[in-house]
Protein backbone atom coordinates (compact mmCIF):
# COMPACT_ATOMS: atom_id res chain seq x y z
CA MET A 1 -5.55 -3.07 -5.16
CA PRO A 2 -6.58 -6.41 -3.73
CA ILE A 3 -3.40 -6.75 -1.66
CA VAL A 4 -4.06 -3.46 0.11
CA PHE A 5 -7.68 -4.33 0.85
CA GLU A 6 -6.85 -7.83 2.10
CA CYS A 7 -4.08 -6.61 4.37
CA PHE A 8 -6.11 -3.67 5.67
CA ILE A 9 -9.12 -5.87 6.46
CA ALA A 10 -6.78 -8.34 8.19
CA GLY A 11 -5.69 -5.50 10.47
CA LEU A 12 -2.09 -5.23 9.30
CA PRO A 13 -0.33 -1.93 10.01
CA LEU A 14 0.66 0.25 7.06
CA ARG A 15 4.33 -0.76 7.43
CA ALA A 16 3.37 -4.43 6.98
CA ILE A 17 1.19 -3.59 3.97
CA ALA A 18 4.18 -1.77 2.43
CA ARG A 19 6.34 -4.88 2.94
CA GLU A 20 3.64 -7.06 1.33
CA LEU A 21 3.46 -4.77 -1.72
CA ASP A 22 7.25 -4.77 -2.10
CA ALA A 23 7.40 -8.57 -1.71
CA ALA A 24 4.70 -8.98 -4.37
CA GLY A 25 6.66 -6.78 -6.77
CA VAL A 26 3.97 -4.11 -7.01
CA PRO A 27 5.67 -0.96 -8.30
CA THR A 28 5.05 2.47 -6.84
CA ARG A 29 4.24 5.30 -9.18
CA ARG A 30 7.88 6.40 -9.12
CA GLY A 31 9.31 2.89 -9.11
CA GLY A 32 10.64 2.95 -5.54
CA SER A 33 9.82 0.98 -2.43
CA TRP A 34 6.50 1.28 -0.63
CA SER A 35 6.30 3.16 2.65
CA PRO A 36 3.46 3.71 5.11
CA SER A 37 3.09 7.31 3.95
CA SER A 38 2.82 6.30 0.29
CA ILE A 39 -0.03 3.95 1.18
CA ARG A 40 -1.74 6.51 3.41
CA SER A 41 -1.67 9.27 0.78
CA GLN A 42 -2.57 6.80 -1.96
CA ASP A 43 -1.21 8.85 -4.83
CA SER A 44 -0.33 5.51 -6.39
CA VAL A 45 -3.63 3.74 -5.77
CA PRO A 46 -6.86 4.71 -7.54
CA GLY A 47 -9.54 5.95 -5.16
CA ARG A 48 -7.07 6.78 -2.38
CA LEU A 49 -8.17 3.69 -0.47
CA LEU A 50 -6.77 4.34 2.98
CA ARG A 51 -6.67 8.11 3.15
CA SER A 52 -7.34 9.23 6.70
């Protein structure tokens, strides 16, 4: 997901990335709002981009 990469490279915290995804209208796998934990686990993003 380009938004995730751009925000991560810019140094935004996961909470800010979640807000950016919601503002852009990017749906989660279950259709809810993004959260830091949903980005960290990356069940919704191919390749699990930010898994720690």
